[in-house]
Amino acid sequence: MNRTLLAVFVLLIMSSCVVTRKKYDDLLAQKVSMEADLHDKNTRLEKANADLKDLDEKLKKLKEDTTNLGIDVRNTSQKLASLEKEHEQLNTYYKNLMTSSGKLNRDIAQQQEQLVSIQENLTRTRRMNDSLSNSLAEREKKVQELETVLANKDKAVQDLKNKISSALLNFKENDITVQVKNGKVYVSLAEQLLFGSGSIVVDAKGVTALQQLAKAIKDQKDINILVEGHTDNVPISKKSQYMEDNWDLSVMRATSITKILTKAGLSPQQITASGRGEFSPLAANDNPQNKQKNRRTEIIITPDLDELFKILESN
């Protein structure tokens, strides 16, 4: 809603020659509030990325622990078999001693003590082996659950990527690219498809592309969408009190795209609009071709990871 108000105020400012000081202060306060909200959402996004990385590290550690636990179980099982064999031998020897003459009573007593000690050790080892086996089974089950969920997530991301690619087949490859990186779907739209130079109004062809994208993913309720505006390092030519630099331009472009996507059916709760300005280029801004690559909008679609976190927290 704050972004909608900002867009309306921008249009009012552009259509009016005189702005009162009170209106200017109100609009400036709105801009500051929106920037704080954007910063908060960027912080949350960074935390989500950090959580995803931490999740991968925990899974790797869990696999390593499970492997080591399996080795311990096998070693304990071997020790248990050895103790059982020794117990059987001593028990046989004890029975033989019981049938021997009285002069062997001392040896029998010593063997009885040794047999009791071995039996106690055998009992402890059996308990330890049972405990390790149960722990190993639980860990293997959790690893299997995590691997299954991750495989399903990877398949869902790939299916989503294919669905988006199919929906945007009628656009040129240099206008739209769709790829999977780090478990997310990245839809990159070139400036020439969406905006005129310095403009925040999406062209008709760009509106069509965004509507087709929204139609392809609007039924996906388990995803989060980040709309990221990017520019080259050329300063904007038409400055105003609401758009002073490329950072402002990238944010306003992201907001314009977000409104089109939500109007086409995407839930506002799933989308975050942000601007990176010139600070996340694909290539060095040292020639016209590279600058054209950097002038883009990236729509980053991330699957919901709640199911993975629930499995990890269940330990």
C-alpha atoms as a PDB file:
ATOM      1  CA  MET A   1       0.000   0.000   0.000  1.00  0.00           C
ATOM      2  CA  ASN A   2       2.890   2.381   0.803  1.00  0.00           C
ATOM      3  CA  ARG A   3       4.345   1.770  -2.645  1.00  0.00           C
ATOM      4  CA  THR A   4       0.968   2.508  -4.247  1.00  0.00           C
ATOM      5  CA  LEU A   5       0.720   5.785  -2.355  1.00  0.00           C
ATOM      6  CA  LEU A   6       4.237   6.686  -3.414  1.00  0.00           C
ATOM      7  CA  ALA A   7       3.434   6.044  -7.056  1.00  0.00           C
ATOM      8  CA  VAL A   8       0.300   8.198  -6.839  1.00  0.00           C
ATOM      9  CA  PHE A   9       2.254  11.002  -5.182  1.00  0.00           C
ATOM     10  CA  VAL A  10       4.934  10.802  -7.839  1.00  0.00           C
ATOM     11  CA  LEU A  11       2.341  11.177 -10.572  1.00  0.00           C
ATOM     12  CA  LEU A  12       0.752  14.117  -8.755  1.00  0.00           C
ATOM     13  CA  ILE A  13       4.145  15.779  -8.457  1.00  0.00           C
ATOM     14  CA  MET A  14       4.925  15.269 -12.128  1.00  0.00           C
ATOM     15  CA  SER A  15       1.600  16.781 -13.131  1.00  0.00           C
ATOM     16  CA  SER A  16       1.798  19.775 -10.857  1.00  0.00           C
ATOM     17  CA  CYS A  17       4.116  22.764 -10.967  1.00  0.00           C
ATOM     18  CA  VAL A  18       3.715  23.833  -7.344  1.00  0.00           C
ATOM     19  CA  VAL A  19       4.030  21.655  -4.253  1.00  0.00           C
ATOM     20  CA  THR A  20       3.392  22.997  -0.774  1.00  0.00           C
ATOM     21  CA  ARG A  21       5.970  22.517   1.929  1.00  0.00           C
ATOM     22  CA  LYS A  22       3.576  20.332   3.937  1.00  0.00           C
ATOM     23  CA  LYS A  23       2.945  17.996   1.007  1.00  0.00           C
ATOM     24  CA  TYR A  24       6.660  17.766   0.372  1.00  0.00           C
ATOM     25  CA  ASP A  25       7.338  16.854   4.001  1.00  0.00           C
ATOM     26  CA  ASP A  26       4.571  14.245   3.954  1.00  0.00           C
ATOM     27  CA  LEU A  27       5.893  12.680   0.784  1.00  0.00           C
ATOM     28  CA  LEU A  28       9.437  12.727   2.084  1.00  0.00           C
ATOM     29  CA  ALA A  29       8.280  10.967   5.262  1.00  0.00           C
ATOM     30  CA  GLN A  30       6.566   8.353   3.131  1.00  0.00           C
ATOM     31  CA  LYS A  31       9.791   7.825   1.160  1.00  0.00           C
ATOM     32  CA  VAL A  32      11.848   7.423   4.344  1.00  0.00           C
ATOM     33  CA  SER A  33       9.304   4.940   5.703  1.00  0.00           C
ATOM     34  CA  MET A  34       9.411   2.958   2.483  1.00  0.00           C
ATOM     35  CA  GLU A  35      13.188   2.882   2.454  1.00  0.00           C
ATOM     36  CA  ALA A  36      13.153   1.568   6.037  1.00  0.00           C
ATOM     37  CA  ASP A  37      10.613  -1.071   5.037  1.00  0.00           C
ATOM     38  CA  LEU A  38      12.771  -2.018   2.030  1.00  0.00           C
ATOM     39  CA  HIS A  39      15.851  -2.271   4.227  1.00  0.00           C
ATOM     40  CA  ASP A  40      13.958  -4.551   6.621  1.00  0.00           C
ATOM     41  CA  LYS A  41      12.842  -6.836   3.803  1.00  0.00           C
ATOM     42  CA  ASN A  42      16.347  -6.949   2.344  1.00  0.00           C
ATOM     43  CA  THR A  43      17.615  -7.899   5.800  1.00  0.00           C
ATOM     44  CA  ARG A  44      15.030 -10.668   6.004  1.00  0.00           C
ATOM     45  CA  LEU A  45      16.002 -11.891   2.557  1.00  0.00           C
ATOM     46  CA  GLU A  46      19.675 -11.989   3.508  1.00  0.00           C
ATOM     47  CA  LYS A  47      18.757 -13.910   6.660  1.00  0.00           C
ATOM     48  CA  ALA A  48      16.749 -16.394   4.574  1.00  0.00           C
ATOM     49  CA  ASN A  49      19.758 -16.905   2.270  1.00  0.00           C
ATOM     50  CA  ALA A  50      22.008 -17.359   5.305  1.00  0.00           C
ATOM     51  CA  ASP A  51      19.516 -19.855   6.763  1.00  0.00           C
ATOM     52  CA  LEU A  52      19.554 -21.776   3.475  1.00  0.00           C
ATOM     53  CA  LYS A  53      23.348 -21.928   3.520  1.00  0.00           C
ATOM     54  CA  ASP A  54      23.303 -22.997   7.175  1.00  0.00           C
ATOM     55  CA  LEU A  55      20.770 -25.690   6.272  1.00  0.00           C
ATOM     56  CA  ASP A  56      23.119 -27.096   3.605  1.00  0.00           C
ATOM     57  CA  GLU A  57      25.992 -27.126   6.129  1.00  0.00           C
ATOM     58  CA  LYS A  58      23.846 -28.876   8.753  1.00  0.00           C
ATOM     59  CA  LEU A  59      22.807 -31.527   6.237  1.00  0.00           C
ATOM     60  CA  LYS A  60      26.438 -32.140   5.284  1.00  0.00           C
ATOM     61  CA  LYS A  61      27.416 -32.416   8.965  1.00  0.00           C
ATOM     62  CA  LEU A  62      24.477 -34.752   9.605  1.00  0.00           C
ATOM     63  CA  LYS A  63      25.635 -37.051   6.773  1.00  0.00           C
ATOM     64  CA  GLU A  64      29.177 -37.074   8.160  1.00  0.00           C
ATOM     65  CA  ASP A  65      27.917 -37.867  11.679  1.00  0.00           C
ATOM     66  CA  THR A  66      25.722 -40.649  10.303  1.00  0.00           C
ATOM     67  CA  THR A  67      28.682 -42.201   8.453  1.00  0.00           C
ATOM     68  CA  ASN A  68      30.828 -42.090  11.609  1.00  0.00           C
ATOM     69  CA  LEU A  69      27.977 -43.555  13.651  1.00  0.00           C
ATOM     70  CA  GLY A  70      27.688 -46.438  11.188  1.00  0.00           C
ATOM     71  CA  ILE A  71      31.402 -47.163  11.622  1.00  0.00           C
ATOM     72  CA  ASP A  72      30.968 -47.161  15.424  1.00  0.00           C
ATOM     73  CA  VAL A  73      28.024 -49.576  15.147  1.00  0.00           C
ATOM     74  CA  ARG A  74      30.038 -51.985  12.982  1.00  0.00           C
ATOM     75  CA  ASN A  75      33.028 -51.832  15.361  1.00  0.00           C
ATOM     76  CA  THR A  76      30.789 -52.434  18.372  1.00  0.00           C
ATOM     77  CA  SER A  77      29.049 -55.306  16.606  1.00  0.00           C
ATOM     78  CA  GLN A  78      32.437 -56.936  15.952  1.00  0.00           C
ATOM     79  CA  LYS A  79      33.429 -56.465  19.588  1.00  0.00           C
ATOM     80  CA  LEU A  80      30.096 -57.930  20.674  1.00  0.00           C
ATOM     81  CA  ALA A  81      30.634 -61.015  18.492  1.00  0.00           C
ATOM     82  CA  SER A  82      34.123 -61.452  19.923  1.00  0.00           C
ATOM     83  CA  LEU A  83      32.859 -61.168  23.505  1.00  0.00           C
ATOM     84  CA  GLU A  84      30.063 -63.633  22.835  1.00  0.00           C
ATOM     85  CA  LYS A  85      32.569 -66.117  21.457  1.00  0.00           C
ATOM     86  CA  GLU A  86      34.841 -65.653  24.473  1.00  0.00           C
ATOM     87  CA  HIS A  87      31.867 -66.018  26.790  1.00  0.00           C
ATOM     88  CA  GLU A  88      30.901 -69.283  25.149  1.00  0.00           C
ATOM     89  CA  GLN A  89      34.446 -70.607  25.454  1.00  0.00           C
ATOM     90  CA  LEU A  90      34.681 -69.668  29.142  1.00  0.00           C
ATOM     91  CA  ASN A  91      31.281 -71.098  29.861  1.00  0.00           C
ATOM     92  CA  THR A  92      32.358 -74.389  28.287  1.00  0.00           C
ATOM     93  CA  TYR A  93      35.591 -74.317  30.231  1.00  0.00           C
ATOM     94  CA  TYR A  94      33.664 -73.591  33.432  1.00  0.00           C
ATOM     95  CA  LYS A  95      31.394 -76.583  32.880  1.00  0.00           C
ATOM     96  CA  ASN A  96      34.436 -78.782  32.325  1.00  0.00           C
ATOM     97  CA  LEU A  97      36.015 -77.522  35.518  1.00  0.00           C
ATOM     98  CA  MET A  98      32.857 -78.319  37.456  1.00  0.00           C
ATOM     99  CA  THR A  99      33.314 -81.994  36.548  1.00  0.00           C
ATOM    100  CA  SER A 100      36.966 -82.031  37.557  1.00  0.00           C
ATOM    101  CA  SER A 101      38.441 -82.899  40.984  1.00  0.00           C
ATOM    102  CA  GLY A 102      38.350 -80.639  44.024  1.00  0.00           C
ATOM    103  CA  LYS A 103      41.882 -79.396  43.481  1.00  0.00           C
ATOM    104  CA  LEU A 104      40.567 -77.209  40.705  1.00  0.00           C
ATOM    105  CA  ASN A 105      38.111 -75.310  42.934  1.00  0.00           C
ATOM    106  CA  ARG A 106      40.365 -72.237  43.161  1.00  0.00           C
ATOM    107  CA  ASP A 107      40.671 -72.060  39.408  1.00  0.00           C
ATOM    108  CA  ILE A 108      36.924 -72.478  39.129  1.00  0.00           C
ATOM    109  CA  ALA A 109      36.303 -69.545  41.479  1.00  0.00           C
ATOM    110  CA  GLN A 110      38.671 -67.346  39.472  1.00  0.00           C
ATOM    111  CA  GLN A 111      37.032 -68.377  36.234  1.00  0.00           C
ATOM    112  CA  GLN A 112      33.621 -67.653  37.736  1.00  0.00           C
ATOM    113  CA  GLU A 113      34.705 -64.113  38.603  1.00  0.00           C
ATOM    114  CA  GLN A 114      36.113 -63.628  35.122  1.00  0.00           C
ATOM    115  CA  LEU A 115      32.930 -65.039  33.607  1.00  0.00           C
ATOM    116  CA  VAL A 116      30.764 -62.641  35.651  1.00  0.00           C
ATOM    117  CA  SER A 117      32.941 -59.717  34.573  1.00  0.00           C
ATOM    118  CA  ILE A 118      32.695 -60.724  30.937  1.00  0.00           C
ATOM    119  CA  GLN A 119      28.928 -61.157  31.257  1.00  0.00           C
ATOM    120  CA  GLU A 120      28.616 -57.645  32.702  1.00  0.00           C
ATOM    121  CA  ASN A 121      30.807 -56.251  29.924  1.00  0.00           C
ATOM    122  CA  LEU A 122      28.748 -58.171  27.384  1.00  0.00           C
ATOM    123  CA  THR A 123      25.509 -56.703  28.782  1.00  0.00           C
ATOM    124  CA  ARG A 124      26.904 -53.153  28.653  1.00  0.00           C
ATOM    125  CA  THR A 125      28.152 -53.683  25.122  1.00  0.00           C
ATOM    126  CA  ARG A 126      24.786 -55.036  24.013  1.00  0.00           C
ATOM    127  CA  ARG A 127      23.032 -51.992  25.469  1.00  0.00           C
ATOM    128  CA  MET A 128      25.493 -49.670  23.773  1.00  0.00           C
ATOM    129  CA  ASN A 129      25.059 -51.508  20.491  1.00  0.00           C
ATOM    130  CA  ASP A 130      21.260 -51.281  20.747  1.00  0.00           C
ATOM    131  CA  SER A 131      21.469 -47.568  21.546  1.00  0.00           C
ATOM    132  CA  LEU A 132      23.838 -46.896  18.637  1.00  0.00           C
ATOM    133  CA  SER A 133      21.654 -48.940  16.286  1.00  0.00           C
ATOM    134  CA  ASN A 134      18.553 -46.971  17.291  1.00  0.00           C
ATOM    135  CA  SER A 135      20.383 -43.656  16.953  1.00  0.00           C
ATOM    136  CA  LEU A 136      21.744 -44.695  13.562  1.00  0.00           C
ATOM    137  CA  ALA A 137      18.279 -45.696  12.373  1.00  0.00           C
ATOM    138  CA  GLU A 138      16.835 -42.346  13.475  1.00  0.00           C
ATOM    139  CA  ARG A 139      19.613 -40.397  11.783  1.00  0.00           C
ATOM    140  CA  GLU A 140      19.323 -42.408   8.585  1.00  0.00           C
ATOM    141  CA  LYS A 141      15.583 -41.767   8.590  1.00  0.00           C
ATOM    142  CA  LYS A 142      16.119 -38.017   9.054  1.00  0.00           C
ATOM    143  CA  VAL A 143      18.776 -37.912   6.321  1.00  0.00           C
ATOM    144  CA  GLN A 144      16.421 -39.782   3.996  1.00  0.00           C
ATOM    145  CA  GLU A 145      13.604 -37.362   4.813  1.00  0.00           C
ATOM    146  CA  LEU A 146      15.855 -34.357   4.151  1.00  0.00           C
ATOM    147  CA  GLU A 147      17.173 -35.821   0.904  1.00  0.00           C
ATOM    148  CA  THR A 148      13.627 -36.592  -0.230  1.00  0.00           C
ATOM    149  CA  VAL A 149      12.412 -33.075   0.569  1.00  0.00           C
ATOM    150  CA  LEU A 150      15.453 -31.516  -1.130  1.00  0.00           C
ATOM    151  CA  ALA A 151      14.972 -33.717  -4.195  1.00  0.00           C
ATOM    152  CA  ASN A 152      11.301 -32.730  -4.334  1.00  0.00           C
ATOM    153  CA  LYS A 153      12.248 -29.058  -3.955  1.00  0.00           C
ATOM    154  CA  ASP A 154      14.838 -29.340  -6.737  1.00  0.00           C
ATOM    155  CA  LYS A 155      12.308 -31.041  -9.003  1.00  0.00           C
ATOM    156  CA  ALA A 156       9.666 -28.431  -8.174  1.00  0.00           C
ATOM    157  CA  VAL A 157      12.142 -25.619  -8.949  1.00  0.00           C
ATOM    158  CA  GLN A 158      13.101 -27.246 -12.267  1.00  0.00           C
ATOM    159  CA  ASP A 159       9.444 -27.819 -13.166  1.00  0.00           C
ATOM    160  CA  LEU A 160       8.708 -24.181 -12.300  1.00  0.00           C
ATOM    161  CA  LYS A 161      11.634 -23.035 -14.456  1.00  0.00           C
ATOM    162  CA  ASN A 162      10.352 -25.123 -17.396  1.00  0.00           C
ATOM    163  CA  LYS A 163       6.819 -23.789 -16.899  1.00  0.00           C
ATOM    164  CA  ILE A 164       8.060 -20.176 -16.909  1.00  0.00           C
ATOM    165  CA  SER A 165      10.279 -20.794 -19.954  1.00  0.00           C
ATOM    166  CA  SER A 166       7.329 -22.259 -21.853  1.00  0.00           C
ATOM    167  CA  ALA A 167       5.143 -19.287 -20.921  1.00  0.00           C
ATOM    168  CA  LEU A 168       7.743 -16.833 -22.265  1.00  0.00           C
ATOM    169  CA  LEU A 169       8.787 -18.693 -25.439  1.00  0.00           C
ATOM    170  CA  ASN A 170       7.471 -15.937 -27.709  1.00  0.00           C
ATOM    171  CA  PHE A 171      10.024 -13.418 -26.397  1.00  0.00           C
ATOM    172  CA  LYS A 172      13.600 -12.999 -27.612  1.00  0.00           C
ATOM    173  CA  GLU A 173      16.403 -14.666 -25.689  1.00  0.00           C
ATOM    174  CA  ASN A 174      18.266 -11.373 -25.304  1.00  0.00           C
ATOM    175  CA  ASP A 175      15.122  -9.848 -23.754  1.00  0.00           C
ATOM    176  CA  ILE A 176      14.336 -12.625 -21.233  1.00  0.00           C
ATOM    177  CA  THR A 177      16.465 -15.379 -19.710  1.00  0.00           C
ATOM    178  CA  VAL A 178      15.255 -18.026 -17.249  1.00  0.00           C
ATOM    179  CA  GLN A 179      17.719 -20.106 -15.241  1.00  0.00           C
ATOM    180  CA  VAL A 180      18.092 -21.984 -11.945  1.00  0.00           C
ATOM    181  CA  LYS A 181      20.803 -20.882  -9.489  1.00  0.00           C
ATOM    182  CA  ASN A 182      21.265 -21.965  -5.862  1.00  0.00           C
ATOM    183  CA  GLY A 183      17.861 -23.643  -5.742  1.00  0.00           C
ATOM    184  CA  LYS A 184      16.035 -20.530  -7.053  1.00  0.00           C
ATOM    185  CA  VAL A 185      14.541 -19.556 -10.400  1.00  0.00           C
ATOM    186  CA  TYR A 186      15.982 -16.323 -11.842  1.00  0.00           C
ATOM    187  CA  VAL A 187      13.929 -14.541 -14.518  1.00  0.00           C
ATOM    188  CA  SER A 188      16.034 -11.711 -15.964  1.00  0.00           C
ATOM    189  CA  LEU A 189      14.253  -9.110 -18.123  1.00  0.00           C
ATOM    190  CA  ALA A 190      16.293  -6.634 -20.151  1.00  0.00           C
ATOM    191  CA  GLU A 191      15.558  -2.900 -19.951  1.00  0.00           C
ATOM    192  CA  GLN A 192      14.631  -2.704 -23.640  1.00  0.00           C
ATOM    193  CA  LEU A 193      11.715  -5.070 -23.007  1.00  0.00           C
ATOM    194  CA  LEU A 194      10.303  -3.139 -20.057  1.00  0.00           C
ATOM    195  CA  PHE A 195      11.253   0.557 -19.976  1.00  0.00           C
ATOM    196  CA  GLY A 196      12.282   3.487 -22.013  1.00  0.00           C
ATOM    197  CA  SER A 197      15.461   5.297 -20.961  1.00  0.00           C
ATOM    198  CA  GLY A 198      15.012   6.754 -17.468  1.00  0.00           C
ATOM    199  CA  SER A 199      11.333   5.771 -17.380  1.00  0.00           C
ATOM    200  CA  ILE A 200       9.486   3.894 -14.628  1.00  0.00           C
ATOM    201  CA  VAL A 201       6.464   3.130 -16.823  1.00  0.00           C
ATOM    202  CA  VAL A 202       6.479  -0.433 -18.231  1.00  0.00           C
ATOM    203  CA  ASP A 203       6.066  -0.668 -22.028  1.00  0.00           C
ATOM    204  CA  ALA A 204       3.132  -2.610 -23.480  1.00  0.00           C
ATOM    205  CA  LYS A 205       5.365  -5.503 -24.582  1.00  0.00           C
ATOM    206  CA  GLY A 206       6.822  -5.700 -21.089  1.00  0.00           C
ATOM    207  CA  VAL A 207       3.355  -5.694 -19.525  1.00  0.00           C
ATOM    208  CA  THR A 208       2.447  -8.683 -21.718  1.00  0.00           C
ATOM    209  CA  ALA A 209       5.555 -10.581 -20.619  1.00  0.00           C
ATOM    210  CA  LEU A 210       4.859  -9.882 -16.948  1.00  0.00           C
ATOM    211  CA  GLN A 211       1.221 -10.945 -17.301  1.00  0.00           C
ATOM    212  CA  GLN A 212       2.282 -14.223 -18.916  1.00  0.00           C
ATOM    213  CA  LEU A 213       4.810 -14.797 -16.118  1.00  0.00           C
ATOM    214  CA  ALA A 214       2.168 -14.100 -13.452  1.00  0.00           C
ATOM    215  CA  LYS A 215      -0.268 -16.458 -15.138  1.00  0.00           C
ATOM    216  CA  ALA A 216       2.342 -19.249 -15.096  1.00  0.00           C
ATOM    217  CA  ILE A 217       3.114 -18.987 -11.353  1.00  0.00           C
ATOM    218  CA  LYS A 218       0.030 -17.462  -9.695  1.00  0.00           C
ATOM    219  CA  ASP A 219      -1.155 -20.879  -8.453  1.00  0.00           C
ATOM    220  CA  GLN A 220       2.193 -21.528  -6.699  1.00  0.00           C
ATOM    221  CA  LYS A 221       1.440 -20.672  -3.053  1.00  0.00           C
ATOM    222  CA  ASP A 222       4.697 -22.120  -1.659  1.00  0.00           C
ATOM    223  CA  ILE A 223       7.077 -19.594  -3.234  1.00  0.00           C
ATOM    224  CA  ASN A 224       8.459 -16.160  -2.398  1.00  0.00           C
ATOM    225  CA  ILE A 225       9.177 -13.623  -5.134  1.00  0.00           C
ATOM    226  CA  LEU A 226      11.787 -10.850  -5.087  1.00  0.00           C
ATOM    227  CA  VAL A 227      11.593  -8.188  -7.817  1.00  0.00           C
ATOM    228  CA  GLU A 228      15.042  -6.584  -8.103  1.00  0.00           C
ATOM    229  CA  GLY A 229      15.727  -3.502 -10.215  1.00  0.00           C
ATOM    230  CA  HIS A 230      19.242  -2.930 -11.637  1.00  0.00           C
ATOM    231  CA  THR A 231      20.836  -0.074 -13.596  1.00  0.00           C
ATOM    232  CA  ASP A 232      24.181   0.776 -15.143  1.00  0.00           C
ATOM    233  CA  ASN A 233      26.432   3.457 -13.618  1.00  0.00           C
ATOM    234  CA  VAL A 234      25.296   6.326 -15.864  1.00  0.00           C
ATOM    235  CA  PRO A 235      23.634   9.027 -13.700  1.00  0.00           C
ATOM    236  CA  ILE A 236      19.977   9.704 -14.472  1.00  0.00           C
ATOM    237  CA  SER A 237      19.362  12.745 -16.642  1.00  0.00           C
ATOM    238  CA  LYS A 238      16.058  13.890 -15.156  1.00  0.00           C
ATOM    239  CA  LYS A 239      16.310  14.278 -11.406  1.00  0.00           C
ATOM    240  CA  SER A 240      13.428  15.200  -9.132  1.00  0.00           C
ATOM    241  CA  GLN A 241      12.889  15.422  -5.395  1.00  0.00           C
ATOM    242  CA  TYR A 242      11.622  11.840  -5.510  1.00  0.00           C
ATOM    243  CA  MET A 243      14.188  10.363  -7.891  1.00  0.00           C
ATOM    244  CA  GLU A 244      17.704  11.597  -7.360  1.00  0.00           C
ATOM    245  CA  ASP A 245      19.807   8.684  -8.594  1.00  0.00           C
ATOM    246  CA  ASN A 246      19.893   5.196 -10.105  1.00  0.00           C
ATOM    247  CA  TRP A 247      18.988   3.670  -6.779  1.00  0.00           C
ATOM    248  CA  ASP A 248      15.679   5.527  -6.719  1.00  0.00           C
ATOM    249  CA  LEU A 249      15.115   4.603 -10.374  1.00  0.00           C
ATOM    250  CA  SER A 250      15.686   0.884  -9.740  1.00  0.00           C
ATOM    251  CA  VAL A 251      13.326   0.863  -6.736  1.00  0.00           C
ATOM    252  CA  MET A 252      10.547   2.647  -8.636  1.00  0.00           C
ATOM    253  CA  ARG A 253      10.930   0.301 -11.600  1.00  0.00           C
ATOM    254  CA  ALA A 254      10.717  -2.723  -9.281  1.00  0.00           C
ATOM    255  CA  THR A 255       7.588  -1.247  -7.707  1.00  0.00           C
ATOM    256  CA  SER A 256       5.975  -0.693 -11.124  1.00  0.00           C
ATOM    257  CA  ILE A 257       6.656  -4.318 -12.079  1.00  0.00           C
ATOM    258  CA  THR A 258       5.348  -5.580  -8.727  1.00  0.00           C
ATOM    259  CA  LYS A 259       2.050  -3.776  -9.255  1.00  0.00           C
ATOM    260  CA  ILE A 260       1.614  -5.367 -12.677  1.00  0.00           C
ATOM    261  CA  LEU A 261       2.332  -8.833 -11.258  1.00  0.00           C
ATOM    262  CA  THR A 262      -0.128  -8.428  -8.378  1.00  0.00           C
ATOM    263  CA  LYS A 263      -2.768  -7.021 -10.702  1.00  0.00           C
ATOM    264  CA  ALA A 264      -2.255 -10.113 -12.883  1.00  0.00           C
ATOM    265  CA  GLY A 265      -3.034 -12.433  -9.964  1.00  0.00           C
ATOM    266  CA  LEU A 266       0.040 -12.828  -7.733  1.00  0.00           C
ATOM    267  CA  SER A 267      -0.464 -12.393  -3.992  1.00  0.00           C
ATOM    268  CA  PRO A 268       1.097  -9.194  -2.567  1.00  0.00           C
ATOM    269  CA  GLN A 269       2.192 -11.230   0.477  1.00  0.00           C
ATOM    270  CA  GLN A 270       4.493 -13.285  -1.761  1.00  0.00           C
ATOM    271  CA  ILE A 271       6.310 -10.377  -3.417  1.00  0.00           C
ATOM    272  CA  THR A 272       9.048  -8.006  -2.274  1.00  0.00           C
ATOM    273  CA  ALA A 273      10.119  -5.086  -4.482  1.00  0.00           C
ATOM    274  CA  SER A 274      13.699  -3.855  -4.155  1.00  0.00           C
ATOM    275  CA  GLY A 275      16.277  -1.852  -6.048  1.00  0.00           C
ATOM    276  CA  ARG A 276      20.018  -2.518  -6.308  1.00  0.00           C
ATOM    277  CA  GLY A 277      20.798   0.476  -8.482  1.00  0.00           C
ATOM    278  CA  GLU A 278      24.211   0.161 -10.144  1.00  0.00           C
ATOM    279  CA  PHE A 279      25.724  -1.839  -7.285  1.00  0.00           C
ATOM    280  CA  SER A 280      25.156  -5.405  -8.504  1.00  0.00           C
ATOM    281  CA  PRO A 281      26.297  -5.402 -12.147  1.00  0.00           C
ATOM    282  CA  LEU A 282      26.594  -8.482 -14.359  1.00  0.00           C
ATOM    283  CA  ALA A 283      29.594  -6.976 -16.129  1.00  0.00           C
ATOM    284  CA  ALA A 284      31.924  -4.013 -15.776  1.00  0.00           C
ATOM    285  CA  ASN A 285      30.278  -0.766 -16.917  1.00  0.00           C
ATOM    286  CA  ASP A 286      33.098  -0.069 -19.368  1.00  0.00           C
ATOM    287  CA  ASN A 287      31.325  -0.282 -22.733  1.00  0.00           C
ATOM    288  CA  PRO A 288      27.796   0.109 -24.152  1.00  0.00           C
ATOM    289  CA  GLN A 289      27.234  -3.660 -24.456  1.00  0.00           C
ATOM    290  CA  ASN A 290      28.025  -4.316 -20.794  1.00  0.00           C
ATOM    291  CA  LYS A 291      25.961  -1.344 -19.653  1.00  0.00           C
ATOM    292  CA  GLN A 292      23.012  -2.737 -21.599  1.00  0.00           C
ATOM    293  CA  LYS A 293      23.428  -6.103 -19.794  1.00  0.00           C
ATOM    294  CA  ASN A 294      23.400  -4.342 -16.423  1.00  0.00           C
ATOM    295  CA  ARG A 295      20.169  -2.455 -17.135  1.00  0.00           C
ATOM    296  CA  ARG A 296      17.756  -5.206 -16.179  1.00  0.00           C
ATOM    297  CA  THR A 297      15.121  -6.432 -13.747  1.00  0.00           C
ATOM    298  CA  GLU A 298      15.547  -9.789 -12.036  1.00  0.00           C
ATOM    299  CA  ILE A 299      12.555 -11.676 -10.656  1.00  0.00           C
ATOM    300  CA  ILE A 300      13.912 -14.220  -8.176  1.00  0.00           C
ATOM    301  CA  ILE A 301      11.541 -17.042  -7.182  1.00  0.00           C
ATOM    302  CA  THR A 302      12.471 -18.944  -4.012  1.00  0.00           C
ATOM    303  CA  PRO A 303      10.719 -22.101  -2.741  1.00  0.00           C
ATOM    304  CA  ASP A 304       9.308 -22.153   0.796  1.00  0.00           C
ATOM    305  CA  LEU A 305      11.813 -23.942   3.096  1.00  0.00           C
ATOM    306  CA  ASP A 306       9.533 -24.379   6.125  1.00  0.00           C
ATOM    307  CA  GLU A 307       9.314 -28.157   5.652  1.00  0.00           C
ATOM    308  CA  LEU A 308      13.111 -28.501   5.742  1.00  0.00           C
ATOM    309  CA  PHE A 309      13.411 -26.407   8.895  1.00  0.00           C
ATOM    310  CA  LYS A 310      10.723 -28.493  10.616  1.00  0.00           C
ATOM    311  CA  ILE A 311      12.680 -31.708   9.934  1.00  0.00           C
ATOM    312  CA  LEU A 312      15.888 -30.196  11.341  1.00  0.00           C
ATOM    313  CA  GLU A 313      14.156 -28.792  14.405  1.00  0.00           C
ATOM    314  CA  SER A 314      12.559 -32.175  15.184  1.00  0.00           C
ATOM    315  CA  ASN A 315      15.918 -33.562  16.349  1.00  0.00           C
END
